[in-house]
N, C-alpha and C. Protein backbone atom coordinates (compact mmCIF):
# COMPACT_ATOMS: atom_id res chain seq x y z
N MET A 1 0.83 -1.18 0.00
CA MET A 1 0.00 0.00 0.00
C MET A 1 0.88 1.26 0.00
N ILE A 2 1.86 1.29 0.89
CA ILE A 2 2.73 2.47 0.99
C ILE A 2 3.65 2.56 -0.22
N GLY A 3 4.23 1.42 -0.61
CA GLY A 3 5.14 1.42 -1.76
C GLY A 3 4.44 1.87 -3.04
N ALA A 4 3.22 1.39 -3.25
CA ALA A 4 2.45 1.80 -4.43
C ALA A 4 2.11 3.28 -4.34
N GLY A 5 1.83 3.76 -3.14
CA GLY A 5 1.54 5.19 -2.95
C GLY A 5 2.74 6.04 -3.31
N VAL A 6 3.93 5.59 -2.96
CA VAL A 6 5.15 6.33 -3.31
C VAL A 6 5.31 6.37 -4.83
N PHE A 7 5.08 5.24 -5.49
CA PHE A 7 5.16 5.22 -6.96
C PHE A 7 4.14 6.17 -7.58
N LEU A 8 2.93 6.22 -7.02
CA LEU A 8 1.90 7.11 -7.56
C LEU A 8 2.27 8.58 -7.37
N MET A 9 2.95 8.88 -6.26
CA MET A 9 3.39 10.26 -6.05
C MET A 9 4.45 10.66 -7.09
N LEU A 10 5.19 9.69 -7.58
CA LEU A 10 6.28 9.96 -8.51
C LEU A 10 5.92 9.67 -9.97
N LYS A 11 4.65 9.41 -10.25
CA LYS A 11 4.28 8.96 -11.60
C LYS A 11 4.57 9.99 -12.69
N LYS A 12 4.51 11.27 -12.37
CA LYS A 12 4.80 12.30 -13.38
C LYS A 12 6.31 12.51 -13.54
N GLU A 13 7.08 12.01 -12.59
CA GLU A 13 8.54 12.20 -12.62
C GLU A 13 9.24 11.12 -13.45
N PHE A 14 8.64 9.94 -13.55
CA PHE A 14 9.27 8.83 -14.25
C PHE A 14 8.39 8.36 -15.40
N ASP A 15 8.94 8.41 -16.60
CA ASP A 15 8.20 7.99 -17.80
C ASP A 15 7.83 6.51 -17.74
N TRP A 16 8.58 5.71 -16.99
CA TRP A 16 8.32 4.28 -16.89
C TRP A 16 6.96 4.03 -16.23
N ILE A 17 6.55 4.90 -15.30
CA ILE A 17 5.28 4.72 -14.60
C ILE A 17 4.12 5.24 -15.44
N GLN A 18 4.24 6.48 -15.88
CA GLN A 18 3.19 7.08 -16.73
C GLN A 18 3.86 7.86 -17.85
N PRO A 19 3.55 7.51 -19.09
CA PRO A 19 4.21 8.20 -20.21
C PRO A 19 3.88 9.69 -20.22
N PRO A 20 4.85 10.52 -20.58
CA PRO A 20 4.58 11.96 -20.63
C PRO A 20 3.64 12.30 -21.78
N THR A 21 2.94 13.41 -21.65
CA THR A 21 2.06 13.86 -22.71
C THR A 21 2.87 14.61 -23.75
N ILE A 22 2.82 14.14 -24.99
CA ILE A 22 3.50 14.79 -26.10
C ILE A 22 2.56 15.85 -26.66
N GLU A 23 3.09 17.03 -26.92
CA GLU A 23 2.24 18.10 -27.44
C GLU A 23 2.04 17.93 -28.95
N GLY A 24 0.79 18.20 -29.36
CA GLY A 24 0.47 18.16 -30.78
C GLY A 24 0.95 19.42 -31.49
N GLY A 25 0.73 19.47 -32.79
CA GLY A 25 1.18 20.62 -33.58
C GLY A 25 0.41 21.89 -33.27
N GLU A 26 -0.89 21.76 -33.05
CA GLU A 26 -1.75 22.92 -32.76
C GLU A 26 -2.56 22.64 -31.50
N VAL A 27 -2.92 23.70 -30.81
CA VAL A 27 -3.79 23.55 -29.64
C VAL A 27 -5.16 24.10 -29.98
N GLY A 28 -6.13 23.79 -29.14
CA GLY A 28 -7.48 24.29 -29.36
C GLY A 28 -8.43 23.17 -29.73
N VAL A 29 -9.59 23.57 -30.20
CA VAL A 29 -10.64 22.62 -30.55
C VAL A 29 -10.15 21.70 -31.67
N PRO A 30 -10.29 20.37 -31.48
CA PRO A 30 -9.83 19.43 -32.51
C PRO A 30 -10.54 19.64 -33.84
N THR A 31 -9.78 19.45 -34.93
CA THR A 31 -10.36 19.56 -36.27
C THR A 31 -10.84 18.20 -36.78
N LEU A 32 -10.38 17.12 -36.13
CA LEU A 32 -10.79 15.78 -36.52
C LEU A 32 -11.87 15.27 -35.57
N THR A 33 -12.71 14.38 -36.05
CA THR A 33 -13.74 13.79 -35.21
C THR A 33 -13.12 12.74 -34.30
N VAL A 34 -13.86 12.34 -33.30
CA VAL A 34 -13.38 11.31 -32.39
C VAL A 34 -13.19 9.99 -33.15
N ALA A 35 -14.08 9.69 -34.08
CA ALA A 35 -13.96 8.46 -34.87
C ALA A 35 -12.69 8.48 -35.71
N GLU A 36 -12.35 9.63 -36.30
CA GLU A 36 -11.12 9.74 -37.09
C GLU A 36 -9.88 9.59 -36.20
N LEU A 37 -9.95 10.17 -35.02
CA LEU A 37 -8.82 10.03 -34.10
C LEU A 37 -8.65 8.58 -33.66
N PHE A 38 -9.76 7.88 -33.43
CA PHE A 38 -9.68 6.47 -33.04
C PHE A 38 -9.13 5.62 -34.18
N GLU A 39 -9.50 5.94 -35.40
CA GLU A 39 -8.93 5.22 -36.55
C GLU A 39 -7.41 5.38 -36.59
N ALA A 40 -6.93 6.57 -36.27
CA ALA A 40 -5.49 6.80 -36.23
C ALA A 40 -4.85 6.00 -35.09
N ALA A 41 -5.52 5.93 -33.95
CA ALA A 41 -4.99 5.19 -32.80
C ALA A 41 -4.94 3.69 -33.08
N LYS A 42 -5.87 3.20 -33.90
CA LYS A 42 -5.89 1.77 -34.23
C LYS A 42 -4.69 1.36 -35.08
N LEU A 43 -4.01 2.34 -35.67
CA LEU A 43 -2.84 2.03 -36.50
C LEU A 43 -1.62 1.59 -35.67
N ALA A 44 -1.64 1.85 -34.36
CA ALA A 44 -0.54 1.43 -33.49
C ALA A 44 -0.69 -0.05 -33.16
N PRO A 45 0.20 -0.90 -33.69
CA PRO A 45 0.03 -2.35 -33.49
C PRO A 45 0.19 -2.79 -32.03
N GLU A 46 1.02 -2.10 -31.25
CA GLU A 46 1.23 -2.50 -29.86
C GLU A 46 -0.05 -2.41 -29.04
N ALA A 47 -0.84 -1.39 -29.30
CA ALA A 47 -2.06 -1.17 -28.52
C ALA A 47 -3.13 -2.20 -28.84
N ASN A 48 -3.15 -2.70 -30.05
CA ASN A 48 -4.10 -3.73 -30.46
C ASN A 48 -5.55 -3.29 -30.28
N PHE A 49 -5.84 -2.04 -30.65
CA PHE A 49 -7.21 -1.53 -30.60
C PHE A 49 -7.94 -1.98 -31.86
N LYS A 50 -9.08 -2.62 -31.67
CA LYS A 50 -9.91 -3.06 -32.80
C LYS A 50 -11.27 -2.36 -32.77
N THR A 51 -11.89 -2.35 -31.58
CA THR A 51 -13.23 -1.75 -31.42
C THR A 51 -13.20 -0.80 -30.23
N TRP A 52 -14.29 -0.07 -30.07
CA TRP A 52 -14.41 0.85 -28.95
C TRP A 52 -14.39 0.11 -27.61
N ASP A 53 -14.76 -1.16 -27.61
CA ASP A 53 -14.74 -1.96 -26.38
C ASP A 53 -13.33 -2.20 -25.87
N ASP A 54 -12.34 -2.03 -26.74
CA ASP A 54 -10.94 -2.20 -26.34
C ASP A 54 -10.42 -1.02 -25.54
N LEU A 55 -11.21 0.07 -25.48
CA LEU A 55 -10.77 1.28 -24.77
C LEU A 55 -11.28 1.30 -23.34
N ASP A 56 -10.42 1.79 -22.45
CA ASP A 56 -10.82 2.04 -21.07
C ASP A 56 -11.29 3.48 -20.94
N ARG A 57 -10.55 4.40 -21.58
CA ARG A 57 -10.94 5.81 -21.53
C ARG A 57 -10.27 6.58 -22.65
N LEU A 58 -10.82 7.76 -22.88
CA LEU A 58 -10.30 8.70 -23.86
C LEU A 58 -10.12 10.03 -23.15
N ASP A 59 -8.91 10.59 -23.23
CA ASP A 59 -8.59 11.81 -22.51
C ASP A 59 -8.13 12.86 -23.51
N PHE A 60 -8.89 13.96 -23.60
CA PHE A 60 -8.50 15.06 -24.48
C PHE A 60 -7.70 16.09 -23.69
N LYS A 61 -6.56 16.46 -24.21
CA LYS A 61 -5.76 17.55 -23.65
C LYS A 61 -5.79 18.68 -24.68
N ILE A 62 -6.84 19.50 -24.62
CA ILE A 62 -7.07 20.55 -25.61
C ILE A 62 -5.91 21.55 -25.61
N GLY A 63 -5.39 21.85 -24.42
CA GLY A 63 -4.29 22.81 -24.30
C GLY A 63 -2.98 22.30 -24.88
N LYS A 64 -2.91 20.98 -25.13
CA LYS A 64 -1.70 20.40 -25.71
C LYS A 64 -1.95 19.84 -27.11
N GLY A 65 -3.19 19.88 -27.57
CA GLY A 65 -3.51 19.41 -28.91
C GLY A 65 -3.36 17.91 -29.09
N VAL A 66 -3.71 17.15 -28.06
CA VAL A 66 -3.53 15.70 -28.12
C VAL A 66 -4.73 14.99 -27.49
N ALA A 67 -5.02 13.80 -28.03
CA ALA A 67 -6.03 12.92 -27.45
C ALA A 67 -5.32 11.63 -27.04
N LYS A 68 -5.57 11.20 -25.81
CA LYS A 68 -4.95 9.97 -25.30
C LYS A 68 -6.00 8.87 -25.28
N PHE A 69 -5.73 7.81 -26.00
CA PHE A 69 -6.59 6.62 -25.99
C PHE A 69 -5.92 5.60 -25.09
N VAL A 70 -6.59 5.25 -23.99
CA VAL A 70 -6.03 4.28 -23.04
C VAL A 70 -6.87 3.01 -23.13
N GLY A 71 -6.22 1.91 -23.44
CA GLY A 71 -6.92 0.65 -23.62
C GLY A 71 -7.09 -0.12 -22.33
N VAL A 72 -7.96 -1.11 -22.38
CA VAL A 72 -8.15 -1.99 -21.23
C VAL A 72 -6.90 -2.82 -20.97
N ASN A 73 -6.01 -2.91 -21.98
CA ASN A 73 -4.74 -3.63 -21.84
C ASN A 73 -3.63 -2.71 -21.32
N ASN A 74 -3.98 -1.48 -20.91
CA ASN A 74 -3.07 -0.47 -20.34
C ASN A 74 -2.09 0.13 -21.35
N TRP A 75 -2.33 -0.05 -22.63
CA TRP A 75 -1.53 0.65 -23.64
C TRP A 75 -2.17 2.00 -23.91
N GLU A 76 -1.33 3.00 -24.11
CA GLU A 76 -1.80 4.36 -24.36
C GLU A 76 -1.28 4.83 -25.72
N VAL A 77 -2.19 5.36 -26.53
CA VAL A 77 -1.83 5.93 -27.82
C VAL A 77 -2.21 7.40 -27.81
N GLN A 78 -1.22 8.26 -28.06
CA GLN A 78 -1.46 9.70 -28.10
C GLN A 78 -1.51 10.14 -29.56
N VAL A 79 -2.60 10.83 -29.90
CA VAL A 79 -2.86 11.22 -31.29
C VAL A 79 -3.01 12.73 -31.36
N ASP A 80 -2.37 13.35 -32.35
CA ASP A 80 -2.52 14.78 -32.59
C ASP A 80 -3.96 15.05 -33.01
N THR A 81 -4.62 16.01 -32.35
CA THR A 81 -6.05 16.25 -32.60
C THR A 81 -6.32 17.03 -33.88
N HIS A 82 -5.27 17.50 -34.55
CA HIS A 82 -5.45 18.27 -35.79
C HIS A 82 -4.98 17.51 -37.03
N THR A 83 -3.91 16.73 -36.87
CA THR A 83 -3.37 16.00 -38.03
C THR A 83 -3.71 14.52 -38.02
N GLY A 84 -4.02 13.98 -36.84
CA GLY A 84 -4.29 12.55 -36.74
C GLY A 84 -3.03 11.71 -36.65
N ALA A 85 -1.89 12.36 -36.52
CA ALA A 85 -0.63 11.62 -36.42
C ALA A 85 -0.50 10.98 -35.04
N VAL A 86 0.01 9.76 -35.02
CA VAL A 86 0.27 9.09 -33.76
C VAL A 86 1.55 9.67 -33.19
N LEU A 87 1.45 10.29 -32.01
CA LEU A 87 2.59 10.96 -31.39
C LEU A 87 3.40 10.04 -30.50
N GLN A 88 2.71 9.11 -29.84
CA GLN A 88 3.41 8.21 -28.91
C GLN A 88 2.55 6.99 -28.63
N VAL A 89 3.21 5.84 -28.49
CA VAL A 89 2.56 4.60 -28.07
C VAL A 89 3.37 4.07 -26.90
N SER A 90 2.73 3.92 -25.74
CA SER A 90 3.46 3.50 -24.53
C SER A 90 2.59 2.63 -23.65
N PHE A 91 3.26 1.80 -22.86
CA PHE A 91 2.56 1.02 -21.85
C PHE A 91 2.42 1.90 -20.62
N ARG A 92 1.23 1.92 -20.04
CA ARG A 92 0.91 2.80 -18.91
C ARG A 92 0.79 1.96 -17.64
N ARG A 93 1.78 2.08 -16.74
CA ARG A 93 1.81 1.28 -15.52
C ARG A 93 1.08 1.95 -14.34
N SER A 94 0.80 3.23 -14.44
CA SER A 94 0.20 3.94 -13.31
C SER A 94 -1.17 3.38 -12.92
N ASP A 95 -1.93 2.90 -13.88
CA ASP A 95 -3.25 2.35 -13.57
C ASP A 95 -3.14 1.02 -12.81
N ILE A 96 -2.14 0.22 -13.17
CA ILE A 96 -1.90 -1.05 -12.46
C ILE A 96 -1.46 -0.75 -11.03
N ILE A 97 -0.54 0.21 -10.89
CA ILE A 97 -0.04 0.58 -9.56
C ILE A 97 -1.18 1.13 -8.70
N GLU A 98 -2.06 1.92 -9.31
CA GLU A 98 -3.20 2.47 -8.56
C GLU A 98 -4.14 1.35 -8.10
N SER A 99 -4.38 0.36 -8.95
CA SER A 99 -5.25 -0.74 -8.55
C SER A 99 -4.61 -1.59 -7.45
N LEU A 100 -3.27 -1.71 -7.46
CA LEU A 100 -2.58 -2.37 -6.35
C LEU A 100 -2.68 -1.55 -5.08
N HIS A 101 -2.57 -0.24 -5.23
CA HIS A 101 -2.60 0.67 -4.08
C HIS A 101 -3.94 0.63 -3.35
N ASP A 102 -5.03 0.59 -4.10
CA ASP A 102 -6.34 0.61 -3.44
C ASP A 102 -6.95 -0.79 -3.26
N GLY A 103 -6.27 -1.84 -3.74
CA GLY A 103 -6.73 -3.21 -3.53
C GLY A 103 -7.67 -3.72 -4.59
N SER A 104 -8.09 -2.89 -5.53
CA SER A 104 -9.03 -3.33 -6.55
C SER A 104 -8.39 -4.31 -7.54
N PHE A 105 -7.07 -4.40 -7.54
CA PHE A 105 -6.35 -5.36 -8.39
C PHE A 105 -6.77 -6.78 -8.02
N PHE A 106 -7.00 -7.02 -6.75
CA PHE A 106 -7.32 -8.37 -6.26
C PHE A 106 -8.81 -8.65 -6.38
N SER A 107 -9.63 -7.86 -5.72
CA SER A 107 -11.09 -7.98 -5.84
C SER A 107 -11.72 -6.86 -5.01
N ASP A 108 -13.00 -6.64 -5.22
CA ASP A 108 -13.69 -5.61 -4.45
C ASP A 108 -13.77 -5.98 -2.97
N GLY A 109 -13.87 -7.28 -2.67
CA GLY A 109 -13.91 -7.72 -1.28
C GLY A 109 -12.60 -7.42 -0.57
N VAL A 110 -11.49 -7.69 -1.24
CA VAL A 110 -10.17 -7.40 -0.66
C VAL A 110 -10.01 -5.91 -0.46
N LYS A 111 -10.47 -5.14 -1.44
CA LYS A 111 -10.38 -3.68 -1.36
C LYS A 111 -11.16 -3.17 -0.15
N LEU A 112 -12.36 -3.67 0.05
CA LEU A 112 -13.24 -3.17 1.11
C LEU A 112 -12.90 -3.75 2.48
N TYR A 113 -12.60 -5.04 2.54
CA TYR A 113 -12.47 -5.69 3.85
C TYR A 113 -11.03 -5.90 4.31
N LEU A 114 -10.06 -5.64 3.45
CA LEU A 114 -8.66 -5.77 3.87
C LEU A 114 -7.94 -4.43 3.76
N PHE A 115 -8.00 -3.81 2.60
CA PHE A 115 -7.24 -2.58 2.38
C PHE A 115 -7.84 -1.38 3.12
N LEU A 116 -9.15 -1.29 3.20
CA LEU A 116 -9.78 -0.19 3.93
C LEU A 116 -9.42 -0.23 5.42
N PRO A 117 -9.61 -1.37 6.12
CA PRO A 117 -9.18 -1.41 7.52
C PRO A 117 -7.68 -1.18 7.70
N ALA A 118 -6.88 -1.70 6.79
CA ALA A 118 -5.43 -1.49 6.88
C ALA A 118 -5.11 0.00 6.72
N GLY A 119 -5.79 0.67 5.82
CA GLY A 119 -5.58 2.10 5.62
C GLY A 119 -6.01 2.90 6.84
N ILE A 120 -7.13 2.53 7.44
CA ILE A 120 -7.61 3.21 8.64
C ILE A 120 -6.61 2.99 9.78
N GLY A 121 -6.15 1.74 9.92
CA GLY A 121 -5.16 1.44 10.96
C GLY A 121 -3.86 2.21 10.76
N LEU A 122 -3.43 2.31 9.52
CA LEU A 122 -2.20 3.06 9.22
C LEU A 122 -2.39 4.53 9.56
N PHE A 123 -3.55 5.08 9.27
CA PHE A 123 -3.83 6.48 9.59
C PHE A 123 -3.83 6.70 11.11
N ILE A 124 -4.42 5.76 11.86
CA ILE A 124 -4.43 5.86 13.33
C ILE A 124 -3.01 5.79 13.87
N LEU A 125 -2.20 4.88 13.34
CA LEU A 125 -0.79 4.79 13.77
C LEU A 125 -0.05 6.09 13.47
N TRP A 126 -0.31 6.68 12.33
CA TRP A 126 0.33 7.95 11.96
C TRP A 126 -0.06 9.05 12.95
N CYS A 127 -1.36 9.13 13.28
CA CYS A 127 -1.83 10.16 14.22
C CYS A 127 -1.22 9.96 15.60
N THR A 128 -1.21 8.73 16.11
CA THR A 128 -0.63 8.49 17.42
C THR A 128 0.88 8.72 17.41
N GLY A 129 1.52 8.44 16.30
CA GLY A 129 2.95 8.72 16.18
C GLY A 129 3.23 10.22 16.25
N LEU A 130 2.40 11.02 15.59
CA LEU A 130 2.55 12.47 15.68
C LEU A 130 2.34 12.94 17.12
N TYR A 131 1.34 12.38 17.78
CA TYR A 131 1.06 12.76 19.16
C TYR A 131 2.26 12.43 20.05
N LEU A 132 2.80 11.23 19.90
CA LEU A 132 3.95 10.83 20.72
C LEU A 132 5.20 11.65 20.39
N PHE A 133 5.32 12.09 19.15
CA PHE A 133 6.46 12.91 18.75
C PHE A 133 6.38 14.30 19.38
N PHE A 134 5.19 14.90 19.35
CA PHE A 134 5.05 16.27 19.85
C PHE A 134 4.78 16.34 21.36
N LEU A 135 4.43 15.24 22.00
CA LEU A 135 4.13 15.24 23.42
C LEU A 135 5.28 15.76 24.28
N PRO A 136 6.53 15.31 24.10
CA PRO A 136 7.62 15.85 24.92
C PRO A 136 7.81 17.37 24.73
N HIS A 137 7.64 17.85 23.51
CA HIS A 137 7.77 19.28 23.27
C HIS A 137 6.67 20.06 23.98
N LEU A 138 5.47 19.52 23.98
CA LEU A 138 4.35 20.16 24.66
C LEU A 138 4.57 20.18 26.17
N LYS A 139 5.05 19.06 26.71
CA LYS A 139 5.31 18.98 28.16
C LYS A 139 6.41 19.96 28.56
N ASN A 140 7.48 20.06 27.77
CA ASN A 140 8.55 21.02 28.07
C ASN A 140 8.03 22.45 28.06
N HIS A 141 7.19 22.75 27.10
CA HIS A 141 6.61 24.09 27.00
C HIS A 141 5.75 24.39 28.23
N GLN A 142 4.95 23.40 28.64
CA GLN A 142 4.10 23.58 29.82
C GLN A 142 4.94 23.76 31.08
N LYS A 143 6.03 23.01 31.22
CA LYS A 143 6.91 23.14 32.39
C LYS A 143 7.53 24.53 32.45
N LYS A 144 7.98 25.02 31.30
CA LYS A 144 8.58 26.35 31.26
C LYS A 144 7.57 27.41 31.65
N ARG A 145 6.35 27.28 31.17
CA ARG A 145 5.30 28.25 31.52
C ARG A 145 4.99 28.22 33.01
N SER A 146 4.89 27.01 33.56
CA SER A 146 4.56 26.92 34.99
C SER A 146 5.72 27.42 35.85
N LYS A 147 6.97 27.21 35.42
CA LYS A 147 8.13 27.73 36.16
C LYS A 147 8.12 29.26 36.14
N LYS A 148 7.79 29.85 34.99
CA LYS A 148 7.72 31.31 34.89
C LYS A 148 6.62 31.85 35.81
N LYS A 149 5.48 31.18 35.84
CA LYS A 149 4.38 31.62 36.71
C LYS A 149 4.80 31.53 38.17
N LEU A 150 5.43 30.43 38.55
CA LEU A 150 5.87 30.26 39.93
C LEU A 150 6.91 31.31 40.31
N LYS A 151 7.81 31.60 39.37
CA LYS A 151 8.85 32.60 39.64
C LYS A 151 8.21 33.97 39.82
N LYS A 152 7.26 34.33 38.96
CA LYS A 152 6.57 35.62 39.10
C LYS A 152 5.82 35.67 40.42
N LEU A 153 5.17 34.58 40.76
CA LEU A 153 4.41 34.51 42.00
C LEU A 153 5.35 34.63 43.20
N ALA A 154 6.47 33.91 43.12
CA ALA A 154 7.45 33.96 44.21
C ALA A 154 8.06 35.36 44.31
N ASP A 155 8.37 36.00 43.19
CA ASP A 155 8.92 37.35 43.20
C ASP A 155 7.93 38.33 43.80
N GLY A 156 6.67 38.19 43.51
CA GLY A 156 5.64 39.06 44.04
C GLY A 156 5.48 38.88 45.54
N GLN A 157 5.54 37.66 46.03
CA GLN A 157 5.40 37.41 47.46
C GLN A 157 6.62 37.90 48.23
N SER A 158 7.82 37.70 47.66
CA SER A 158 9.02 38.14 48.38
C SER A 158 9.07 39.65 48.46
N ALA A 159 8.58 40.33 47.43
CA ALA A 159 8.54 41.79 47.47
C ALA A 159 7.57 42.26 48.53
N GLU A 160 6.42 41.57 48.65
CA GLU A 160 5.45 41.95 49.66
C GLU A 160 5.95 41.59 51.06
N GLY A 161 6.68 40.49 51.15
CA GLY A 161 7.19 40.04 52.45
C GLY A 161 8.25 40.97 53.01
N THR A 162 8.92 41.77 52.25
CA THR A 162 9.98 42.66 52.74
C THR A 162 9.40 43.98 53.22
N ARG A 163 8.17 44.27 52.94
CA ARG A 163 7.57 45.52 53.41
C ARG A 163 7.33 45.43 54.92
N GLN A 164 7.48 46.55 55.50
CA GLN A 164 7.20 46.64 56.93
C GLN A 164 5.72 46.94 57.13
N PRO A 165 5.09 46.26 58.06
CA PRO A 165 3.68 46.55 58.29
C PRO A 165 3.49 47.95 58.90
N ALA A 166 2.44 48.58 58.50
CA ALA A 166 2.15 49.94 59.01
C ALA A 166 1.68 49.85 60.44
N GLU A 167 2.14 50.79 61.28
CA GLU A 167 1.77 50.76 62.68
C GLU A 167 0.70 51.72 63.03
């Protein structure tokens, strides 16, 4: 759970985990239809896209002029939204790592009845660890405050104790 979480935090830093987005030639509203873009994506033999059922999702990056076709087999094909050129074909590991991280890789039962309690337990351990870490600092601060109060109180009493009573 923790190891997969670390990989997910670093997914944009390492191309091996998640392929970078390649910018298309032009940005803005695509000039090609989604069907034309999918036809271009089907030309990548590694992805093995035949029908729309082979896709898990389609992600448009209008600001970069690219459409990402992500298959159920975790292959990603990036297509220029204006020319239809295939910009990149890569295997996408971030989705597998995410499913390992949340337990859905195994089954919904494992996700709900094993990973959820483990995550809650880990969060409780983290909170108690923070408490135990800051407890000595809090106690030291409280001791210093109480010593200052006692010193002020003692200084006030000694000053009053040196006065002579009025006759």
